[in-house]
Amino acid sequence: MRVHDVTRVRSPKLCYITDRRSLRGSPLSSFLVTAIEAGIGMIQIREKDLDTPALCDLAKLAVAKARGTATQIVVNDRLDIALALEASGVHLGNPSLPAFAVRPIVPKGFLVGVSCHSLDEALAAEAAGADYLLLGPVFETPSKLAFGTPLGVGKLRE
């Protein structure tokens, strides 16, 4: 993958993708703070059903807590919020803007990630200027059951 600013872009070993509904009523904010304090490499704020003010509040907290740490905060699908709050980047899914449209309008070092479900999609994301990609689902998870059979480790290796 192309690296646009090696001083800011790191290869995270672990990415926490949020899903507050799986927390059974526990506040996501406390999980975010704990993950940042633990040194998680990247947190993807992936709360698709939150309204804009609530998503802004959550992302603002995460960005503020992560400032000066090794943790990078990316906002799922909401380029406007990611830019406004000076997050580390944006994560784009299938219905999002394509990476090639985002890359020229973001600041140097701003991460552009893309969700992929095949090798072809991964190669296309790289060609479009993505800094990283997430392939999935690799394993069966409750939040991805509706998407069919997991891809498996073999597809990840590919």
N, C-alpha and C. Protein backbone atom coordinates (compact mmCIF):
# COMPACT_ATOMS: atom_id res chain seq x y z
N MET A 1 0.83 -1.18 0.00
CA MET A 1 0.00 0.00 0.00
C MET A 1 0.88 1.25 0.00
N ARG A 2 0.39 2.28 -0.61
CA ARG A 2 1.08 3.56 -0.60
C ARG A 2 1.00 4.16 0.80
N VAL A 3 2.08 4.73 1.25
CA VAL A 3 2.08 5.44 2.51
C VAL A 3 2.29 6.91 2.19
N HIS A 4 1.37 7.75 2.61
CA HIS A 4 1.37 9.15 2.22
C HIS A 4 2.20 10.03 3.15
N ASP A 5 2.38 9.64 4.39
CA ASP A 5 3.20 10.40 5.32
C ASP A 5 3.66 9.44 6.40
N VAL A 6 4.85 8.90 6.24
CA VAL A 6 5.32 7.85 7.14
C VAL A 6 5.49 8.32 8.57
N THR A 7 5.52 9.62 8.80
CA THR A 7 5.64 10.09 10.17
C THR A 7 4.31 9.96 10.91
N ARG A 8 3.21 9.88 10.19
CA ARG A 8 1.91 9.80 10.84
C ARG A 8 1.25 8.44 10.67
N VAL A 9 1.47 7.76 9.56
CA VAL A 9 0.81 6.50 9.28
C VAL A 9 1.63 5.37 9.88
N ARG A 10 0.99 4.62 10.73
CA ARG A 10 1.61 3.45 11.34
C ARG A 10 0.79 2.23 10.95
N SER A 11 1.40 1.08 11.00
CA SER A 11 0.68 -0.16 10.73
C SER A 11 0.17 -0.72 12.05
N PRO A 12 -1.09 -0.49 12.36
CA PRO A 12 -1.59 -0.96 13.65
C PRO A 12 -1.63 -2.48 13.70
N LYS A 13 -1.28 -3.01 14.83
CA LYS A 13 -1.34 -4.45 15.05
C LYS A 13 -2.75 -4.88 15.44
N LEU A 14 -3.48 -3.96 16.04
CA LEU A 14 -4.81 -4.29 16.53
C LEU A 14 -5.74 -3.11 16.29
N CYS A 15 -6.89 -3.40 15.72
CA CYS A 15 -7.88 -2.36 15.45
C CYS A 15 -9.17 -2.71 16.19
N TYR A 16 -9.63 -1.79 17.01
CA TYR A 16 -10.89 -1.96 17.72
C TYR A 16 -11.98 -1.29 16.89
N ILE A 17 -12.92 -2.10 16.42
CA ILE A 17 -14.05 -1.58 15.65
C ILE A 17 -15.24 -1.55 16.60
N THR A 18 -15.76 -0.36 16.84
CA THR A 18 -16.79 -0.22 17.87
C THR A 18 -18.13 -0.78 17.42
N ASP A 19 -18.88 -1.24 18.40
CA ASP A 19 -20.26 -1.69 18.25
C ASP A 19 -20.91 -1.60 19.63
N ARG A 20 -21.44 -0.43 19.94
CA ARG A 20 -21.95 -0.20 21.29
C ARG A 20 -23.11 -1.12 21.65
N ARG A 21 -23.83 -1.62 20.65
CA ARG A 21 -24.96 -2.52 20.94
C ARG A 21 -24.50 -3.83 21.54
N SER A 22 -23.27 -4.22 21.29
CA SER A 22 -22.75 -5.47 21.85
C SER A 22 -22.29 -5.31 23.29
N LEU A 23 -22.31 -4.10 23.81
CA LEU A 23 -21.79 -3.83 25.16
C LEU A 23 -22.84 -3.99 26.25
N ARG A 24 -24.04 -4.36 25.88
CA ARG A 24 -25.13 -4.63 26.84
C ARG A 24 -25.34 -3.50 27.84
N GLY A 25 -25.41 -2.27 27.31
CA GLY A 25 -25.72 -1.13 28.16
C GLY A 25 -24.52 -0.43 28.76
N SER A 26 -23.34 -1.02 28.70
CA SER A 26 -22.14 -0.34 29.20
C SER A 26 -21.82 0.82 28.26
N PRO A 27 -21.33 1.92 28.80
CA PRO A 27 -21.05 3.07 27.94
C PRO A 27 -19.84 2.83 27.04
N LEU A 28 -20.01 3.10 25.76
CA LEU A 28 -18.92 2.94 24.81
C LEU A 28 -17.76 3.86 25.15
N SER A 29 -18.06 5.02 25.69
CA SER A 29 -17.00 5.98 26.00
C SER A 29 -15.95 5.38 26.94
N SER A 30 -16.38 4.59 27.91
CA SER A 30 -15.40 3.99 28.83
C SER A 30 -14.55 2.94 28.12
N PHE A 31 -15.13 2.21 27.17
CA PHE A 31 -14.36 1.24 26.39
C PHE A 31 -13.34 1.96 25.51
N LEU A 32 -13.73 3.09 24.94
CA LEU A 32 -12.80 3.86 24.12
C LEU A 32 -11.59 4.32 24.93
N VAL A 33 -11.86 4.87 26.10
CA VAL A 33 -10.78 5.36 26.96
C VAL A 33 -9.87 4.20 27.35
N THR A 34 -10.44 3.07 27.72
CA THR A 34 -9.64 1.90 28.11
C THR A 34 -8.79 1.42 26.94
N ALA A 35 -9.36 1.37 25.74
CA ALA A 35 -8.62 0.92 24.56
C ALA A 35 -7.46 1.87 24.26
N ILE A 36 -7.70 3.16 24.37
CA ILE A 36 -6.64 4.15 24.12
C ILE A 36 -5.54 4.02 25.16
N GLU A 37 -5.93 3.90 26.42
CA GLU A 37 -4.94 3.74 27.49
C GLU A 37 -4.14 2.45 27.34
N ALA A 38 -4.75 1.43 26.74
CA ALA A 38 -4.06 0.14 26.53
C ALA A 38 -3.12 0.19 25.32
N GLY A 39 -3.20 1.26 24.53
CA GLY A 39 -2.31 1.40 23.39
C GLY A 39 -2.79 0.74 22.12
N ILE A 40 -4.10 0.52 21.99
CA ILE A 40 -4.65 -0.02 20.75
C ILE A 40 -4.18 0.85 19.59
N GLY A 41 -3.75 0.23 18.49
CA GLY A 41 -3.20 0.98 17.37
C GLY A 41 -4.21 1.85 16.64
N MET A 42 -5.43 1.34 16.50
CA MET A 42 -6.45 2.08 15.76
C MET A 42 -7.82 1.76 16.33
N ILE A 43 -8.66 2.78 16.38
CA ILE A 43 -10.06 2.59 16.75
C ILE A 43 -10.90 3.12 15.60
N GLN A 44 -11.76 2.25 15.09
CA GLN A 44 -12.71 2.66 14.05
C GLN A 44 -14.04 2.92 14.72
N ILE A 45 -14.48 4.17 14.73
CA ILE A 45 -15.78 4.52 15.29
C ILE A 45 -16.82 4.10 14.25
N ARG A 46 -17.47 2.97 14.51
CA ARG A 46 -18.40 2.38 13.54
C ARG A 46 -19.79 2.27 14.17
N GLU A 47 -20.40 3.39 14.36
CA GLU A 47 -21.74 3.45 14.96
C GLU A 47 -22.69 4.02 13.92
N LYS A 48 -23.03 3.20 12.95
CA LYS A 48 -23.77 3.63 11.76
C LYS A 48 -25.14 4.23 12.06
N ASP A 49 -25.75 3.82 13.17
CA ASP A 49 -27.11 4.26 13.44
C ASP A 49 -27.18 5.49 14.36
N LEU A 50 -26.05 6.01 14.79
CA LEU A 50 -26.08 7.21 15.63
C LEU A 50 -26.39 8.44 14.77
N ASP A 51 -27.18 9.35 15.34
CA ASP A 51 -27.41 10.61 14.62
C ASP A 51 -26.13 11.44 14.66
N THR A 52 -26.08 12.45 13.83
CA THR A 52 -24.86 13.24 13.67
C THR A 52 -24.37 13.86 14.98
N PRO A 53 -25.22 14.50 15.78
CA PRO A 53 -24.71 15.09 17.03
C PRO A 53 -24.10 14.04 17.98
N ALA A 54 -24.76 12.88 18.11
CA ALA A 54 -24.25 11.84 19.01
C ALA A 54 -22.94 11.25 18.48
N LEU A 55 -22.87 11.04 17.16
CA LEU A 55 -21.64 10.53 16.57
C LEU A 55 -20.51 11.54 16.74
N CYS A 56 -20.80 12.81 16.56
CA CYS A 56 -19.79 13.86 16.76
C CYS A 56 -19.28 13.85 18.20
N ASP A 57 -20.18 13.74 19.15
CA ASP A 57 -19.77 13.72 20.56
C ASP A 57 -18.85 12.54 20.84
N LEU A 58 -19.22 11.37 20.33
CA LEU A 58 -18.42 10.16 20.55
C LEU A 58 -17.04 10.29 19.90
N ALA A 59 -17.02 10.71 18.64
CA ALA A 59 -15.76 10.85 17.92
C ALA A 59 -14.89 11.94 18.54
N LYS A 60 -15.51 13.03 18.98
CA LYS A 60 -14.77 14.13 19.61
C LYS A 60 -14.07 13.64 20.88
N LEU A 61 -14.77 12.86 21.68
CA LEU A 61 -14.18 12.29 22.89
C LEU A 61 -12.99 11.40 22.53
N ALA A 62 -13.18 10.51 21.55
CA ALA A 62 -12.12 9.59 21.17
C ALA A 62 -10.90 10.33 20.64
N VAL A 63 -11.12 11.30 19.77
CA VAL A 63 -10.01 12.07 19.20
C VAL A 63 -9.26 12.82 20.30
N ALA A 64 -9.99 13.42 21.22
CA ALA A 64 -9.35 14.17 22.32
C ALA A 64 -8.54 13.24 23.21
N LYS A 65 -9.10 12.10 23.56
CA LYS A 65 -8.40 11.15 24.44
C LYS A 65 -7.19 10.53 23.75
N ALA A 66 -7.26 10.37 22.43
CA ALA A 66 -6.16 9.73 21.68
C ALA A 66 -5.04 10.71 21.34
N ARG A 67 -5.31 11.99 21.41
CA ARG A 67 -4.29 13.00 21.07
C ARG A 67 -3.03 12.78 21.91
N GLY A 68 -1.89 12.67 21.27
CA GLY A 68 -0.63 12.47 21.97
C GLY A 68 -0.33 11.03 22.30
N THR A 69 -1.19 10.11 21.87
CA THR A 69 -0.97 8.68 22.12
C THR A 69 -0.66 7.98 20.80
N ALA A 70 -0.44 6.68 20.87
CA ALA A 70 -0.18 5.89 19.66
C ALA A 70 -1.47 5.49 18.94
N THR A 71 -2.62 5.77 19.53
CA THR A 71 -3.89 5.34 18.96
C THR A 71 -4.37 6.31 17.88
N GLN A 72 -4.74 5.74 16.74
CA GLN A 72 -5.32 6.52 15.65
C GLN A 72 -6.83 6.30 15.65
N ILE A 73 -7.59 7.37 15.48
CA ILE A 73 -9.05 7.30 15.44
C ILE A 73 -9.50 7.53 14.01
N VAL A 74 -10.28 6.58 13.48
CA VAL A 74 -10.89 6.76 12.17
C VAL A 74 -12.40 6.68 12.34
N VAL A 75 -13.10 7.47 11.55
CA VAL A 75 -14.55 7.53 11.63
C VAL A 75 -15.13 6.80 10.43
N ASN A 76 -16.05 5.91 10.69
CA ASN A 76 -16.66 5.11 9.63
C ASN A 76 -17.58 5.97 8.77
N ASP A 77 -17.33 5.99 7.48
CA ASP A 77 -18.19 6.60 6.46
C ASP A 77 -18.36 8.12 6.52
N ARG A 78 -18.10 8.76 7.62
CA ARG A 78 -18.40 10.19 7.78
C ARG A 78 -17.15 11.03 7.63
N LEU A 79 -16.78 11.26 6.38
CA LEU A 79 -15.62 12.09 6.08
C LEU A 79 -15.76 13.48 6.69
N ASP A 80 -16.96 14.04 6.65
CA ASP A 80 -17.19 15.37 7.20
C ASP A 80 -16.83 15.44 8.67
N ILE A 81 -17.26 14.45 9.43
CA ILE A 81 -16.98 14.43 10.87
C ILE A 81 -15.49 14.18 11.11
N ALA A 82 -14.91 13.25 10.38
CA ALA A 82 -13.48 12.94 10.55
C ALA A 82 -12.63 14.18 10.30
N LEU A 83 -12.94 14.92 9.26
CA LEU A 83 -12.18 16.14 8.95
C LEU A 83 -12.43 17.24 9.98
N ALA A 84 -13.69 17.45 10.33
CA ALA A 84 -14.04 18.52 11.26
C ALA A 84 -13.40 18.32 12.63
N LEU A 85 -13.29 17.06 13.07
CA LEU A 85 -12.75 16.78 14.40
C LEU A 85 -11.26 16.47 14.39
N GLU A 86 -10.66 16.54 13.20
CA GLU A 86 -9.24 16.23 13.03
C GLU A 86 -8.91 14.83 13.51
N ALA A 87 -9.76 13.87 13.12
CA ALA A 87 -9.48 12.46 13.37
C ALA A 87 -8.30 12.04 12.50
N SER A 88 -7.77 10.86 12.75
CA SER A 88 -6.65 10.36 11.96
C SER A 88 -7.06 9.97 10.56
N GLY A 89 -8.36 9.66 10.38
CA GLY A 89 -8.80 9.26 9.05
C GLY A 89 -10.25 8.88 8.99
N VAL A 90 -10.61 8.29 7.85
CA VAL A 90 -11.97 7.83 7.58
C VAL A 90 -11.89 6.40 7.08
N HIS A 91 -12.91 5.62 7.43
CA HIS A 91 -13.01 4.26 6.91
C HIS A 91 -14.22 4.19 5.99
N LEU A 92 -13.98 3.75 4.76
CA LEU A 92 -15.01 3.74 3.73
C LEU A 92 -15.53 2.32 3.49
N GLY A 93 -16.85 2.19 3.46
CA GLY A 93 -17.49 0.92 3.14
C GLY A 93 -18.00 0.92 1.71
N ASN A 94 -18.75 -0.10 1.36
CA ASN A 94 -19.27 -0.21 -0.01
C ASN A 94 -20.15 0.96 -0.43
N PRO A 95 -21.03 1.49 0.43
CA PRO A 95 -21.87 2.60 -0.02
C PRO A 95 -21.20 3.97 0.11
N SER A 96 -19.97 4.01 0.58
CA SER A 96 -19.28 5.28 0.82
C SER A 96 -18.72 5.86 -0.47
N LEU A 97 -18.18 7.06 -0.34
CA LEU A 97 -17.39 7.63 -1.42
C LEU A 97 -16.22 6.68 -1.71
N PRO A 98 -15.79 6.59 -2.94
CA PRO A 98 -14.62 5.75 -3.23
C PRO A 98 -13.33 6.45 -2.78
N ALA A 99 -12.32 5.66 -2.46
CA ALA A 99 -11.05 6.20 -1.98
C ALA A 99 -10.45 7.19 -2.97
N PHE A 100 -10.58 6.93 -4.27
CA PHE A 100 -9.98 7.84 -5.26
C PHE A 100 -10.62 9.22 -5.22
N ALA A 101 -11.87 9.33 -4.77
CA ALA A 101 -12.54 10.62 -4.66
C ALA A 101 -12.15 11.34 -3.36
N VAL A 102 -11.83 10.57 -2.34
CA VAL A 102 -11.49 11.14 -1.04
C VAL A 102 -10.03 11.60 -0.99
N ARG A 103 -9.14 10.79 -1.55
CA ARG A 103 -7.70 11.05 -1.42
C ARG A 103 -7.30 12.49 -1.77
N PRO A 104 -7.76 13.07 -2.88
CA PRO A 104 -7.28 14.42 -3.23
C PRO A 104 -7.81 15.54 -2.35
N ILE A 105 -8.83 15.29 -1.54
CA ILE A 105 -9.42 16.38 -0.75
C ILE A 105 -9.09 16.31 0.73
N VAL A 106 -8.26 15.34 1.13
CA VAL A 106 -7.91 15.22 2.54
C VAL A 106 -6.47 15.68 2.75
N PRO A 107 -6.15 16.09 3.98
CA PRO A 107 -4.79 16.54 4.25
C PRO A 107 -3.77 15.41 4.16
N LYS A 108 -2.54 15.79 3.94
CA LYS A 108 -1.45 14.82 3.92
C LYS A 108 -1.42 14.06 5.25
N GLY A 109 -1.27 12.75 5.18
CA GLY A 109 -1.22 11.93 6.38
C GLY A 109 -2.57 11.44 6.86
N PHE A 110 -3.64 11.95 6.29
CA PHE A 110 -4.99 11.53 6.67
C PHE A 110 -5.22 10.12 6.14
N LEU A 111 -5.58 9.20 7.02
CA LEU A 111 -5.77 7.81 6.63
C LEU A 111 -7.08 7.61 5.87
N VAL A 112 -7.00 6.83 4.82
CA VAL A 112 -8.19 6.43 4.08
C VAL A 112 -8.19 4.91 4.06
N GLY A 113 -9.15 4.33 4.76
CA GLY A 113 -9.29 2.88 4.82
C GLY A 113 -10.50 2.43 4.06
N VAL A 114 -10.48 1.17 3.62
CA VAL A 114 -11.57 0.65 2.80
C VAL A 114 -11.91 -0.77 3.25
N SER A 115 -13.20 -1.05 3.36
CA SER A 115 -13.68 -2.41 3.63
C SER A 115 -13.67 -3.21 2.33
N CYS A 116 -13.14 -4.42 2.39
CA CYS A 116 -13.06 -5.28 1.22
C CYS A 116 -13.56 -6.68 1.57
N HIS A 117 -14.02 -7.38 0.53
CA HIS A 117 -14.55 -8.72 0.73
C HIS A 117 -13.94 -9.72 -0.24
N SER A 118 -12.93 -9.28 -0.99
CA SER A 118 -12.27 -10.18 -1.95
C SER A 118 -10.90 -9.59 -2.30
N LEU A 119 -10.07 -10.41 -2.93
CA LEU A 119 -8.77 -9.94 -3.39
C LEU A 119 -8.93 -8.84 -4.43
N ASP A 120 -9.89 -8.99 -5.34
CA ASP A 120 -10.11 -7.96 -6.36
C ASP A 120 -10.46 -6.61 -5.72
N GLU A 121 -11.33 -6.62 -4.71
CA GLU A 121 -11.68 -5.38 -4.02
C GLU A 121 -10.48 -4.79 -3.31
N ALA A 122 -9.63 -5.65 -2.72
CA ALA A 122 -8.43 -5.17 -2.03
C ALA A 122 -7.47 -4.50 -3.01
N LEU A 123 -7.27 -5.11 -4.15
CA LEU A 123 -6.37 -4.53 -5.16
C LEU A 123 -6.94 -3.22 -5.70
N ALA A 124 -8.24 -3.17 -5.88
CA ALA A 124 -8.89 -1.93 -6.35
C ALA A 124 -8.75 -0.83 -5.30
N ALA A 125 -8.90 -1.17 -4.03
CA ALA A 125 -8.76 -0.19 -2.95
C ALA A 125 -7.34 0.38 -2.92
N GLU A 126 -6.36 -0.49 -3.08
CA GLU A 126 -4.97 -0.04 -3.11
C GLU A 126 -4.74 0.91 -4.30
N ALA A 127 -5.23 0.51 -5.47
CA ALA A 127 -5.06 1.34 -6.66
C ALA A 127 -5.77 2.69 -6.52
N ALA A 128 -6.84 2.73 -5.73
CA ALA A 128 -7.62 3.96 -5.55
C ALA A 128 -7.02 4.89 -4.50
N GLY A 129 -5.95 4.46 -3.84
CA GLY A 129 -5.28 5.33 -2.87
C GLY A 129 -5.54 5.00 -1.41
N ALA A 130 -6.10 3.82 -1.11
CA ALA A 130 -6.33 3.45 0.28
C ALA A 130 -5.00 3.23 1.01
N ASP A 131 -4.96 3.65 2.25
CA ASP A 131 -3.78 3.42 3.09
C ASP A 131 -3.82 2.04 3.74
N TYR A 132 -5.02 1.57 4.02
CA TYR A 132 -5.19 0.25 4.64
C TYR A 132 -6.53 -0.30 4.21
N LEU A 133 -6.72 -1.58 4.41
CA LEU A 133 -8.02 -2.18 4.15
C LEU A 133 -8.35 -3.16 5.25
N LEU A 134 -9.62 -3.38 5.41
CA LEU A 134 -10.11 -4.39 6.33
C LEU A 134 -10.85 -5.42 5.49
N LEU A 135 -10.46 -6.66 5.62
CA LEU A 135 -11.10 -7.76 4.90
C LEU A 135 -12.02 -8.49 5.85
N GLY A 136 -13.22 -8.77 5.39
CA GLY A 136 -14.08 -9.50 6.29
C GLY A 136 -15.43 -9.81 5.68
N PRO A 137 -16.18 -10.56 6.41
CA PRO A 137 -15.77 -11.17 7.66
C PRO A 137 -14.89 -12.40 7.42
N VAL A 138 -13.86 -12.53 8.22
CA VAL A 138 -12.98 -13.71 8.15
C VAL A 138 -13.58 -14.83 8.99
N PHE A 139 -14.06 -14.49 10.17
CA PHE A 139 -14.66 -15.46 11.08
C PHE A 139 -16.14 -15.16 11.27
N GLU A 140 -16.87 -16.11 11.77
CA GLU A 140 -18.29 -15.90 12.05
C GLU A 140 -18.42 -15.01 13.28
N THR A 141 -19.19 -13.94 13.13
CA THR A 141 -19.47 -13.04 14.25
C THR A 141 -20.96 -12.69 14.21
N PRO A 142 -21.55 -12.42 15.36
CA PRO A 142 -22.98 -12.09 15.40
C PRO A 142 -23.37 -10.92 14.50
N SER A 143 -22.50 -9.91 14.39
CA SER A 143 -22.85 -8.73 13.60
C SER A 143 -22.75 -8.96 12.10
N LYS A 144 -22.17 -10.07 11.68
CA LYS A 144 -21.99 -10.31 10.25
C LYS A 144 -22.71 -11.57 9.74
N LEU A 145 -23.56 -12.16 10.56
CA LEU A 145 -24.27 -13.37 10.16
C LEU A 145 -25.11 -13.18 8.90
N ALA A 146 -25.68 -12.01 8.74
CA ALA A 146 -26.55 -11.75 7.59
C ALA A 146 -25.79 -11.72 6.27
N PHE A 147 -24.47 -11.63 6.33
CA PHE A 147 -23.67 -11.52 5.11
C PHE A 147 -23.19 -12.86 4.58
N GLY A 148 -23.65 -13.94 5.18
CA GLY A 148 -23.31 -15.26 4.67
C GLY A 148 -22.06 -15.86 5.29
N THR A 149 -21.54 -16.84 4.61
CA THR A 149 -20.39 -17.61 5.08
C THR A 149 -19.16 -16.72 5.21
N PRO A 150 -18.45 -16.81 6.34
CA PRO A 150 -17.22 -16.04 6.50
C PRO A 150 -16.19 -16.42 5.44
N LEU A 151 -15.30 -15.51 5.12
CA LEU A 151 -14.30 -15.72 4.08
C LEU A 151 -13.23 -16.72 4.49
N GLY A 152 -12.88 -16.75 5.78
CA GLY A 152 -11.89 -17.68 6.26
C GLY A 152 -10.46 -17.16 6.15
N VAL A 153 -9.57 -17.86 6.82
CA VAL A 153 -8.17 -17.47 6.89
C VAL A 153 -7.49 -17.60 5.53
N GLY A 154 -7.91 -18.58 4.72
CA GLY A 154 -7.32 -18.74 3.39
C GLY A 154 -7.49 -17.51 2.53
N LYS A 155 -8.66 -16.92 2.57
CA LYS A 155 -8.93 -15.69 1.78
C LYS A 155 -8.10 -14.54 2.34
N LEU A 156 -7.96 -14.48 3.66
CA LEU A 156 -7.13 -13.45 4.28
C LEU A 156 -5.68 -13.61 3.83
N ARG A 157 -5.18 -14.82 3.81
CA ARG A 157 -3.82 -15.10 3.37
C ARG A 157 -3.62 -14.66 1.92
N GLU A 158 -4.61 -14.93 1.08
CA GLU A 158 -4.56 -14.55 -0.34
C GLU A 158 -4.38 -13.06 -0.49
